[in-house]
Amino acid sequence: MAADRAFALDSAGRGAEAWSEVWAESGMFYGDGAAPLIGPVDAARGVAGIVDDLRWEPTASAVLWPDTLGYTVGCWWMAPDTPEGSACRQRYLTVWQRIDDEWKVALDLSLPEYDDDDEAARDFDFWLGDWTLEQKIWSGDGDEFESYKARNRVRAIGGIGALVEHFEGNVRFFWLGMQEPARVRGVSIRVYDSDAGVWRIFWMDSLDPKFGPPFTGTFSGGVGNFLLTERPDGIPPGRIRFEPRSDGTVDWQLAVRTAAGESWQPLWFIRFRRGEGG
């Protein structure tokens, strides 16, 4: 909260220069468009035309990883207007990461407006709560999958249409060159884009502590499919699939498109069961 308030004050006084100093090198800024601006220079350029009138105030915060990662949510507006209490309709989420003893912006984006009539903004409500995870991770050898335990908890952020997931468990991802299992922490931020009618899923873990491009998609027929097509050369598109089941469990799958492009190769299965564990 203190870092966010200091940033708001500094921005009002020094404009875009303040943005360039607080942004992480891999920090992502989602402005009016679907494509993010990445890094200090682009973030500063992105607000150059409005920064003199841009104002905001954080209203809540939470820790994601102790002393390392957290977020603030709040209200933003354009001066000289001033929001009054519940009149704030323009809200934001900023994820802060501690780098070299300074809090830097790792992700910044708008939150959807409250709209009880937009059912799609509640697509992930089934996932709220605490979960025990039964994982099956592809070994890279034929049809062999390795079993690992994990846990996570999912909470709403600032109302409907935004959630945060805390993951902790043992994994071994052969595609990252892991020779032995390791305990990993992860966090996902997922936000509903009411204008585009899609969800965006951002992921960061302790193996590679920065956000990458989001998986984007929707639910249809009770199943959620989310694609990641923005990949480096040689890395195939990825897909995340969610399927809530009638017994209260949830099935999740991460897959990549095969070389022929005709099917998907599963890499990671998870069955979510209610309750803490892992």
C-alpha atoms as a PDB file:
ATOM      1  CA  MET A   1       0.000   0.000   0.000  1.00  0.00           C
ATOM      2  CA  ALA A   2       2.809   2.380   0.884  1.00  0.00           C
ATOM      3  CA  ALA A   3       4.624   1.642  -2.380  1.00  0.00           C
ATOM      4  CA  ASP A   4       1.454   2.223  -4.404  1.00  0.00           C
ATOM      5  CA  ARG A   5       0.593   5.480  -2.639  1.00  0.00           C
ATOM      6  CA  ALA A   6       4.152   6.734  -3.094  1.00  0.00           C
ATOM      7  CA  PHE A   7       3.957   5.840  -6.792  1.00  0.00           C
ATOM      8  CA  ALA A   8       0.651   7.727  -7.177  1.00  0.00           C
ATOM      9  CA  LEU A   9       2.144  10.822  -5.543  1.00  0.00           C
ATOM     10  CA  ASP A  10       5.333  10.599  -7.582  1.00  0.00           C
ATOM     11  CA  SER A  11       3.373  10.168 -10.820  1.00  0.00           C
ATOM     12  CA  ALA A  12       1.304  13.283 -10.087  1.00  0.00           C
ATOM     13  CA  GLY A  13       4.520  15.231  -9.509  1.00  0.00           C
ATOM     14  CA  ARG A  14       6.935  13.880 -12.113  1.00  0.00           C
ATOM     15  CA  GLY A  15       4.730  12.229 -14.686  1.00  0.00           C
ATOM     16  CA  ALA A  16       6.020   9.462 -16.960  1.00  0.00           C
ATOM     17  CA  GLU A  17       9.499   9.584 -15.390  1.00  0.00           C
ATOM     18  CA  ALA A  18       8.038   8.083 -12.224  1.00  0.00           C
ATOM     19  CA  TRP A  19       6.613   5.185 -14.252  1.00  0.00           C
ATOM     20  CA  SER A  20       9.954   4.387 -15.851  1.00  0.00           C
ATOM     21  CA  GLU A  21      11.597   4.167 -12.431  1.00  0.00           C
ATOM     22  CA  VAL A  22       9.047   1.908 -10.729  1.00  0.00           C
ATOM     23  CA  TRP A  23       8.509  -0.597 -13.535  1.00  0.00           C
ATOM     24  CA  ALA A  24      10.225  -3.993 -13.550  1.00  0.00           C
ATOM     25  CA  GLU A  25      12.185  -4.895 -16.689  1.00  0.00           C
ATOM     26  CA  SER A  26       9.637  -7.620 -17.464  1.00  0.00           C
ATOM     27  CA  GLY A  27       6.688  -5.716 -15.973  1.00  0.00           C
ATOM     28  CA  MET A  28       3.515  -5.811 -18.063  1.00  0.00           C
ATOM     29  CA  PHE A  29       1.143  -2.847 -18.458  1.00  0.00           C
ATOM     30  CA  TYR A  30      -2.274  -3.319 -20.027  1.00  0.00           C
ATOM     31  CA  GLY A  31      -3.670   0.024 -21.097  1.00  0.00           C
ATOM     32  CA  ASP A  32      -6.541   0.493 -23.542  1.00  0.00           C
ATOM     33  CA  GLY A  33      -5.431  -2.246 -25.945  1.00  0.00           C
ATOM     34  CA  ALA A  34      -5.274  -6.016 -25.708  1.00  0.00           C
ATOM     35  CA  ALA A  35      -1.509  -6.102 -26.195  1.00  0.00           C
ATOM     36  CA  PRO A  36       0.634  -5.235 -23.161  1.00  0.00           C
ATOM     37  CA  LEU A  37       3.451  -2.751 -22.889  1.00  0.00           C
ATOM     38  CA  ILE A  38       6.499  -4.411 -21.364  1.00  0.00           C
ATOM     39  CA  GLY A  39       9.296  -2.763 -19.390  1.00  0.00           C
ATOM     40  CA  PRO A  40      10.007   0.725 -18.022  1.00  0.00           C
ATOM     41  CA  VAL A  41      10.374   2.559 -21.335  1.00  0.00           C
ATOM     42  CA  ASP A  42       7.165   1.259 -22.878  1.00  0.00           C
ATOM     43  CA  ALA A  43       5.178   1.755 -19.667  1.00  0.00           C
ATOM     44  CA  ALA A  44       6.251   5.404 -19.531  1.00  0.00           C
ATOM     45  CA  ARG A  45       5.408   5.912 -23.205  1.00  0.00           C
ATOM     46  CA  GLY A  46       2.034   4.293 -22.703  1.00  0.00           C
ATOM     47  CA  VAL A  47       0.866   6.953 -20.242  1.00  0.00           C
ATOM     48  CA  ALA A  48       2.650   9.922 -21.781  1.00  0.00           C
ATOM     49  CA  GLY A  49      -0.542  11.510 -23.090  1.00  0.00           C
ATOM     50  CA  ILE A  50      -2.631  11.142 -19.930  1.00  0.00           C
ATOM     51  CA  VAL A  51      -0.215  10.939 -17.026  1.00  0.00           C
ATOM     52  CA  ASP A  52      -0.591  14.600 -16.022  1.00  0.00           C
ATOM     53  CA  ASP A  53      -4.271  14.018 -15.214  1.00  0.00           C
ATOM     54  CA  LEU A  54      -4.122  10.379 -14.119  1.00  0.00           C
ATOM     55  CA  ARG A  55      -4.841   9.791 -10.427  1.00  0.00           C
ATOM     56  CA  TRP A  56      -5.409   6.682  -8.342  1.00  0.00           C
ATOM     57  CA  GLU A  57      -5.769   5.470  -4.771  1.00  0.00           C
ATOM     58  CA  PRO A  58      -5.209   1.910  -3.498  1.00  0.00           C
ATOM     59  CA  THR A  59      -8.030   0.539  -1.367  1.00  0.00           C
ATOM     60  CA  ALA A  60      -6.815  -2.970  -0.488  1.00  0.00           C
ATOM     61  CA  SER A  61      -3.716  -5.141  -0.652  1.00  0.00           C
ATOM     62  CA  ALA A  62      -2.542  -8.691   0.036  1.00  0.00           C
ATOM     63  CA  VAL A  63       0.676 -10.686   0.224  1.00  0.00           C
ATOM     64  CA  LEU A  64       1.286 -13.380  -2.388  1.00  0.00           C
ATOM     65  CA  TRP A  65       4.815 -14.460  -1.405  1.00  0.00           C
ATOM     66  CA  PRO A  66       6.195 -13.082   1.891  1.00  0.00           C
ATOM     67  CA  ASP A  67       8.529 -10.105   1.355  1.00  0.00           C
ATOM     68  CA  THR A  68       8.643 -10.889  -2.370  1.00  0.00           C
ATOM     69  CA  LEU A  69       5.292 -10.523  -4.101  1.00  0.00           C
ATOM     70  CA  GLY A  70       1.993  -8.797  -3.350  1.00  0.00           C
ATOM     71  CA  TYR A  71      -0.771  -6.830  -4.968  1.00  0.00           C
ATOM     72  CA  THR A  72      -2.851  -3.710  -4.538  1.00  0.00           C
ATOM     73  CA  VAL A  73      -6.277  -2.920  -5.905  1.00  0.00           C
ATOM     74  CA  GLY A  74      -7.848   0.494  -6.059  1.00  0.00           C
ATOM     75  CA  CYS A  75      -9.681   3.166  -7.977  1.00  0.00           C
ATOM     76  CA  TRP A  76      -8.340   5.404 -10.755  1.00  0.00           C
ATOM     77  CA  TRP A  77      -9.768   8.529 -12.341  1.00  0.00           C
ATOM     78  CA  MET A  78      -8.813  11.533 -14.427  1.00  0.00           C
ATOM     79  CA  ALA A  79      -8.367  14.892 -12.699  1.00  0.00           C
ATOM     80  CA  PRO A  80     -10.115  17.145 -11.876  1.00  0.00           C
ATOM     81  CA  ASP A  81     -12.841  14.527 -11.274  1.00  0.00           C
ATOM     82  CA  THR A  82     -12.840  12.830  -7.874  1.00  0.00           C
ATOM     83  CA  PRO A  83     -14.679   9.545  -7.203  1.00  0.00           C
ATOM     84  CA  GLU A  84     -16.925   9.388  -4.190  1.00  0.00           C
ATOM     85  CA  GLY A  85     -17.081   6.079  -2.340  1.00  0.00           C
ATOM     86  CA  SER A  86     -18.980   3.456  -4.308  1.00  0.00           C
ATOM     87  CA  ALA A  87     -19.089   5.774  -7.316  1.00  0.00           C
ATOM     88  CA  CYS A  88     -15.677   4.421  -8.309  1.00  0.00           C
ATOM     89  CA  ARG A  89     -16.240   2.339 -11.434  1.00  0.00           C
ATOM     90  CA  GLN A  90     -12.715   2.355 -12.842  1.00  0.00           C
ATOM     91  CA  ARG A  91     -10.583  -0.022 -10.834  1.00  0.00           C
ATOM     92  CA  TYR A  92      -7.103  -1.453 -11.219  1.00  0.00           C
ATOM     93  CA  LEU A  93      -4.892  -4.292 -10.031  1.00  0.00           C
ATOM     94  CA  THR A  94      -1.134  -3.888  -9.592  1.00  0.00           C
ATOM     95  CA  VAL A  95       1.154  -6.793  -8.710  1.00  0.00           C
ATOM     96  CA  TRP A  96       4.295  -5.670  -6.899  1.00  0.00           C
ATOM     97  CA  GLN A  97       7.555  -7.626  -6.878  1.00  0.00           C
ATOM     98  CA  ARG A  98      10.512  -6.927  -4.605  1.00  0.00           C
ATOM     99  CA  ILE A  99      13.646  -6.631  -6.745  1.00  0.00           C
ATOM    100  CA  ASP A 100      16.986  -5.479  -5.304  1.00  0.00           C
ATOM    101  CA  ASP A 101      15.218  -4.273  -2.122  1.00  0.00           C
ATOM    102  CA  GLU A 102      12.745  -2.119  -4.072  1.00  0.00           C
ATOM    103  CA  TRP A 103       9.107  -2.749  -4.928  1.00  0.00           C
ATOM    104  CA  LYS A 104       8.636  -2.833  -8.698  1.00  0.00           C
ATOM    105  CA  VAL A 105       5.505  -3.234 -10.824  1.00  0.00           C
ATOM    106  CA  ALA A 106       5.318  -6.742 -12.308  1.00  0.00           C
ATOM    107  CA  LEU A 107       1.778  -6.492 -13.712  1.00  0.00           C
ATOM    108  CA  ASP A 108      -0.766  -3.692 -14.016  1.00  0.00           C
ATOM    109  CA  LEU A 109      -4.233  -3.985 -15.520  1.00  0.00           C
ATOM    110  CA  SER A 110      -7.809  -2.814 -15.237  1.00  0.00           C
ATOM    111  CA  LEU A 111     -10.397  -4.771 -13.276  1.00  0.00           C
ATOM    112  CA  PRO A 112     -13.875  -5.340 -14.715  1.00  0.00           C
ATOM    113  CA  GLU A 113     -16.715  -3.154 -13.557  1.00  0.00           C
ATOM    114  CA  TYR A 114     -19.200  -4.701 -11.176  1.00  0.00           C
ATOM    115  CA  ASP A 115     -22.046  -6.160 -13.233  1.00  0.00           C
ATOM    116  CA  ASP A 116     -24.227  -8.794 -11.621  1.00  0.00           C
ATOM    117  CA  ASP A 117     -25.906  -9.461 -14.967  1.00  0.00           C
ATOM    118  CA  ASP A 118     -22.689 -10.560 -16.688  1.00  0.00           C
ATOM    119  CA  GLU A 119     -22.671 -14.291 -15.962  1.00  0.00           C
ATOM    120  CA  ALA A 120     -19.330 -14.824 -17.720  1.00  0.00           C
ATOM    121  CA  ALA A 121     -17.640 -12.681 -15.044  1.00  0.00           C
ATOM    122  CA  ARG A 122     -18.560 -15.455 -12.564  1.00  0.00           C
ATOM    123  CA  ASP A 123     -17.276 -18.351 -14.655  1.00  0.00           C
ATOM    124  CA  PHE A 124     -14.540 -19.150 -12.134  1.00  0.00           C
ATOM    125  CA  ASP A 125     -16.661 -18.882  -8.985  1.00  0.00           C
ATOM    126  CA  PHE A 126     -16.690 -22.704  -8.779  1.00  0.00           C
ATOM    127  CA  TRP A 127     -12.937 -22.594  -8.178  1.00  0.00           C
ATOM    128  CA  LEU A 128     -12.954 -20.346  -5.089  1.00  0.00           C
ATOM    129  CA  GLY A 129     -11.729 -22.042  -1.919  1.00  0.00           C
ATOM    130  CA  ASP A 130      -8.969 -24.361  -0.678  1.00  0.00           C
ATOM    131  CA  TRP A 131      -7.932 -27.444  -2.626  1.00  0.00           C
ATOM    132  CA  THR A 132      -5.816 -30.596  -2.454  1.00  0.00           C
ATOM    133  CA  LEU A 133      -4.188 -31.361  -5.797  1.00  0.00           C
ATOM    134  CA  GLU A 134      -3.467 -34.754  -7.324  1.00  0.00           C
ATOM    135  CA  GLN A 135      -0.973 -34.135 -10.115  1.00  0.00           C
ATOM    136  CA  LYS A 136       0.077 -36.270 -13.064  1.00  0.00           C
ATOM    137  CA  ILE A 137       3.050 -34.765 -14.928  1.00  0.00           C
ATOM    138  CA  TRP A 138       4.355 -36.219 -18.166  1.00  0.00           C
ATOM    139  CA  SER A 139       7.829 -37.715 -17.770  1.00  0.00           C
ATOM    140  CA  GLY A 140       8.641 -37.200 -21.451  1.00  0.00           C
ATOM    141  CA  ASP A 141       8.907 -40.958 -21.933  1.00  0.00           C
ATOM    142  CA  GLY A 142       6.030 -42.490 -23.877  1.00  0.00           C
ATOM    143  CA  ASP A 143       2.819 -42.535 -21.857  1.00  0.00           C
ATOM    144  CA  GLU A 144       4.517 -42.382 -18.447  1.00  0.00           C
ATOM    145  CA  PHE A 145       3.231 -39.760 -15.991  1.00  0.00           C
ATOM    146  CA  GLU A 146       4.646 -39.020 -12.533  1.00  0.00           C
ATOM    147  CA  SER A 147       2.413 -38.392  -9.508  1.00  0.00           C
ATOM    148  CA  TYR A 148       2.924 -35.470  -7.127  1.00  0.00           C
ATOM    149  CA  LYS A 149       0.907 -33.816  -4.372  1.00  0.00           C
ATOM    150  CA  ALA A 150       0.243 -30.102  -4.097  1.00  0.00           C
ATOM    151  CA  ARG A 151      -2.220 -27.624  -2.652  1.00  0.00           C
ATOM    152  CA  ASN A 152      -3.663 -24.303  -3.605  1.00  0.00           C
ATOM    153  CA  ARG A 153      -6.152 -21.698  -2.560  1.00  0.00           C
ATOM    154  CA  VAL A 154      -8.187 -19.404  -4.767  1.00  0.00           C
ATOM    155  CA  ARG A 155      -9.583 -16.057  -3.677  1.00  0.00           C
ATOM    156  CA  ALA A 156     -11.570 -13.279  -5.322  1.00  0.00           C
ATOM    157  CA  ILE A 157      -9.900  -9.914  -5.863  1.00  0.00           C
ATOM    158  CA  GLY A 158     -11.964  -6.789  -5.367  1.00  0.00           C
ATOM    159  CA  GLY A 159     -15.324  -8.240  -6.406  1.00  0.00           C
ATOM    160  CA  ILE A 160     -16.384 -10.334  -9.384  1.00  0.00           C
ATOM    161  CA  GLY A 161     -14.323 -11.080 -12.467  1.00  0.00           C
ATOM    162  CA  ALA A 162     -10.894 -11.316 -10.854  1.00  0.00           C
ATOM    163  CA  LEU A 163      -9.199 -14.091  -8.871  1.00  0.00           C
ATOM    164  CA  VAL A 164      -5.802 -14.978  -7.469  1.00  0.00           C
ATOM    165  CA  GLU A 165      -4.496 -18.532  -7.077  1.00  0.00           C
ATOM    166  CA  HIS A 166      -1.736 -19.584  -4.658  1.00  0.00           C
ATOM    167  CA  PHE A 167      -0.053 -22.878  -5.646  1.00  0.00           C
ATOM    168  CA  GLU A 168       2.540 -24.842  -3.670  1.00  0.00           C
ATOM    169  CA  GLY A 169       3.709 -28.370  -4.337  1.00  0.00           C
ATOM    170  CA  ASN A 170       6.281 -30.750  -5.747  1.00  0.00           C
ATOM    171  CA  VAL A 171       6.781 -30.902  -9.506  1.00  0.00           C
ATOM    172  CA  ARG A 172       9.224 -32.143 -12.110  1.00  0.00           C
ATOM    173  CA  PHE A 173       8.922 -30.539 -15.515  1.00  0.00           C
ATOM    174  CA  PHE A 174      11.205 -32.419 -17.897  1.00  0.00           C
ATOM    175  CA  TRP A 175      10.607 -29.749 -20.560  1.00  0.00           C
ATOM    176  CA  LEU A 176      12.392 -27.267 -18.278  1.00  0.00           C
ATOM    177  CA  GLY A 177      15.325 -29.610 -17.800  1.00  0.00           C
ATOM    178  CA  MET A 178      14.406 -30.579 -14.220  1.00  0.00           C
ATOM    179  CA  GLN A 179      16.242 -33.789 -13.307  1.00  0.00           C
ATOM    180  CA  GLU A 180      14.701 -34.116  -9.834  1.00  0.00           C
ATOM    181  CA  PRO A 181      11.410 -33.024  -8.269  1.00  0.00           C
ATOM    182  CA  ALA A 182      11.417 -29.658  -6.508  1.00  0.00           C
ATOM    183  CA  ARG A 183       9.072 -27.714  -4.267  1.00  0.00           C
ATOM    184  CA  VAL A 184       7.625 -24.849  -6.268  1.00  0.00           C
ATOM    185  CA  ARG A 185       5.447 -21.856  -5.438  1.00  0.00           C
ATOM    186  CA  GLY A 186       3.221 -20.373  -8.086  1.00  0.00           C
ATOM    187  CA  VAL A 187       0.626 -17.659  -8.406  1.00  0.00           C
ATOM    188  CA  SER A 188      -1.930 -16.992 -11.096  1.00  0.00           C
ATOM    189  CA  ILE A 189      -3.916 -13.832 -11.675  1.00  0.00           C
ATOM    190  CA  ARG A 190      -7.014 -14.194 -13.798  1.00  0.00           C
ATOM    191  CA  VAL A 191      -9.159 -11.270 -14.874  1.00  0.00           C
ATOM    192  CA  TYR A 192     -12.264 -11.115 -17.015  1.00  0.00           C
ATOM    193  CA  ASP A 193     -12.123  -8.624 -19.902  1.00  0.00           C
ATOM    194  CA  SER A 194     -15.751  -7.560 -20.242  1.00  0.00           C
ATOM    195  CA  ASP A 195     -15.111  -5.651 -23.478  1.00  0.00           C
ATOM    196  CA  ALA A 196     -13.550  -8.622 -25.264  1.00  0.00           C
ATOM    197  CA  GLY A 197     -15.664 -11.214 -23.437  1.00  0.00           C
ATOM    198  CA  VAL A 198     -12.621 -13.330 -22.504  1.00  0.00           C
ATOM    199  CA  TRP A 199     -10.615 -14.320 -19.443  1.00  0.00           C
ATOM    200  CA  ARG A 200      -6.874 -13.699 -19.227  1.00  0.00           C
ATOM    201  CA  ILE A 201      -4.759 -16.012 -17.046  1.00  0.00           C
ATOM    202  CA  PHE A 202      -1.316 -14.794 -15.942  1.00  0.00           C
ATOM    203  CA  TRP A 203       1.147 -17.172 -14.255  1.00  0.00           C
ATOM    204  CA  MET A 204       4.380 -16.729 -12.271  1.00  0.00           C
ATOM    205  CA  ASP A 205       6.320 -19.346 -10.317  1.00  0.00           C
ATOM    206  CA  SER A 206       9.491 -19.586  -8.274  1.00  0.00           C
ATOM    207  CA  LEU A 207      11.271 -21.380 -11.136  1.00  0.00           C
ATOM    208  CA  ASP A 208      10.947 -18.300 -13.355  1.00  0.00           C
ATOM    209  CA  PRO A 209       9.666 -15.382 -11.225  1.00  0.00           C
ATOM    210  CA  LYS A 210       8.088 -13.159 -13.863  1.00  0.00           C
ATOM    211  CA  PHE A 211       4.762 -13.011 -15.676  1.00  0.00           C
ATOM    212  CA  GLY A 212       4.583 -14.134 -19.261  1.00  0.00           C
ATOM    213  CA  PRO A 213       1.885 -13.620 -21.905  1.00  0.00           C
ATOM    214  CA  PRO A 214      -1.539 -14.726 -20.668  1.00  0.00           C
ATOM    215  CA  PHE A 215      -3.624 -17.702 -21.653  1.00  0.00           C
ATOM    216  CA  THR A 216      -6.863 -16.301 -23.093  1.00  0.00           C
ATOM    217  CA  GLY A 217     -10.249 -17.938 -23.560  1.00  0.00           C
ATOM    218  CA  THR A 218     -13.774 -18.643 -22.386  1.00  0.00           C
ATOM    219  CA  PHE A 219     -16.089 -21.290 -20.975  1.00  0.00           C
ATOM    220  CA  SER A 220     -18.509 -23.124 -23.243  1.00  0.00           C
ATOM    221  CA  GLY A 221     -20.706 -26.061 -22.302  1.00  0.00           C
ATOM    222  CA  GLY A 222     -19.250 -26.064 -18.807  1.00  0.00           C
ATOM    223  CA  VAL A 223     -15.640 -26.470 -20.040  1.00  0.00           C
ATOM    224  CA  GLY A 224     -13.071 -23.678 -20.122  1.00  0.00           C
ATOM    225  CA  ASN A 225     -10.429 -23.576 -22.855  1.00  0.00           C
ATOM    226  CA  PHE A 226      -7.636 -21.020 -22.721  1.00  0.00           C
ATOM    227  CA  LEU A 227      -4.930 -20.698 -25.362  1.00  0.00           C
ATOM    228  CA  LEU A 228      -1.416 -19.286 -25.361  1.00  0.00           C
ATOM    229  CA  THR A 229      -0.256 -18.670 -28.912  1.00  0.00           C
ATOM    230  CA  GLU A 230       2.377 -15.995 -28.233  1.00  0.00           C
ATOM    231  CA  ARG A 231       5.385 -18.307 -27.842  1.00  0.00           C
ATOM    232  CA  PRO A 232       9.088 -18.067 -28.764  1.00  0.00           C
ATOM    233  CA  ASP A 233      10.155 -19.744 -32.005  1.00  0.00           C
ATOM    234  CA  GLY A 234      10.193 -23.506 -31.673  1.00  0.00           C
ATOM    235  CA  ILE A 235       7.749 -23.645 -28.736  1.00  0.00           C
ATOM    236  CA  PRO A 236       4.264 -24.819 -29.759  1.00  0.00           C
ATOM    237  CA  PRO A 237       1.032 -23.124 -28.668  1.00  0.00           C
ATOM    238  CA  GLY A 238      -0.276 -24.133 -25.253  1.00  0.00           C
ATOM    239  CA  ARG A 239      -3.748 -24.834 -23.924  1.00  0.00           C
ATOM    240  CA  ILE A 240      -5.234 -24.904 -20.423  1.00  0.00           C
ATOM    241  CA  ARG A 241      -8.539 -26.704 -19.908  1.00  0.00           C
ATOM    242  CA  PHE A 242     -10.857 -26.541 -16.873  1.00  0.00           C
ATOM    243  CA  GLU A 243     -13.730 -28.940 -16.310  1.00  0.00           C
ATOM    244  CA  PRO A 244     -15.806 -28.792 -13.090  1.00  0.00           C
ATOM    245  CA  ARG A 245     -17.315 -32.202 -12.300  1.00  0.00           C
ATOM    246  CA  SER A 246     -20.628 -33.152 -10.730  1.00  0.00           C
ATOM    247  CA  ASP A 247     -18.921 -34.636  -7.636  1.00  0.00           C
ATOM    248  CA  GLY A 248     -17.373 -31.264  -6.738  1.00  0.00           C
ATOM    249  CA  THR A 249     -13.903 -32.017  -8.070  1.00  0.00           C
ATOM    250  CA  VAL A 250     -12.288 -30.064 -10.890  1.00  0.00           C
ATOM    251  CA  ASP A 251     -10.144 -31.472 -13.687  1.00  0.00           C
ATOM    252  CA  TRP A 252      -7.380 -29.314 -15.144  1.00  0.00           C
ATOM    253  CA  GLN A 253      -5.018 -29.997 -18.018  1.00  0.00           C
ATOM    254  CA  LEU A 254      -2.035 -28.267 -19.622  1.00  0.00           C
ATOM    255  CA  ALA A 255      -1.228 -29.395 -23.159  1.00  0.00           C
ATOM    256  CA  VAL A 256       0.827 -28.273 -26.158  1.00  0.00           C
ATOM    257  CA  ARG A 257      -0.056 -28.613 -29.802  1.00  0.00           C
ATOM    258  CA  THR A 258       1.669 -31.498 -31.564  1.00  0.00           C
ATOM    259  CA  ALA A 259       4.175 -30.894 -34.345  1.00  0.00           C
ATOM    260  CA  ALA A 260       1.601 -31.860 -36.955  1.00  0.00           C
ATOM    261  CA  GLY A 261      -0.810 -29.332 -35.456  1.00  0.00           C
ATOM    262  CA  GLU A 262      -3.707 -31.799 -35.486  1.00  0.00           C
ATOM    263  CA  SER A 263      -3.952 -32.665 -31.778  1.00  0.00           C
ATOM    264  CA  TRP A 264      -2.765 -31.765 -28.291  1.00  0.00           C
ATOM    265  CA  GLN A 265      -0.119 -33.491 -26.166  1.00  0.00           C
ATOM    266  CA  PRO A 266      -1.036 -33.376 -22.447  1.00  0.00           C
ATOM    267  CA  LEU A 267       1.843 -32.379 -20.185  1.00  0.00           C
ATOM    268  CA  TRP A 268       0.231 -31.878 -16.805  1.00  0.00           C
ATOM    269  CA  PHE A 269      -3.018 -33.141 -15.293  1.00  0.00           C
ATOM    270  CA  ILE A 270      -4.477 -31.981 -11.970  1.00  0.00           C
ATOM    271  CA  ARG A 271      -7.540 -33.148 -10.114  1.00  0.00           C
ATOM    272  CA  PHE A 272      -8.683 -30.604  -7.529  1.00  0.00           C
ATOM    273  CA  ARG A 273     -10.421 -31.888  -4.392  1.00  0.00           C
ATOM    274  CA  ARG A 274     -11.877 -29.641  -1.718  1.00  0.00           C
ATOM    275  CA  GLY A 275      -9.755 -29.238   1.409  1.00  0.00           C
ATOM    276  CA  GLU A 276      -6.195 -28.362   2.352  1.00  0.00           C
ATOM    277  CA  GLY A 277      -3.369 -30.792   1.756  1.00  0.00           C
ATOM    278  CA  GLY A 278      -0.277 -31.393  -0.340  1.00  0.00           C
END
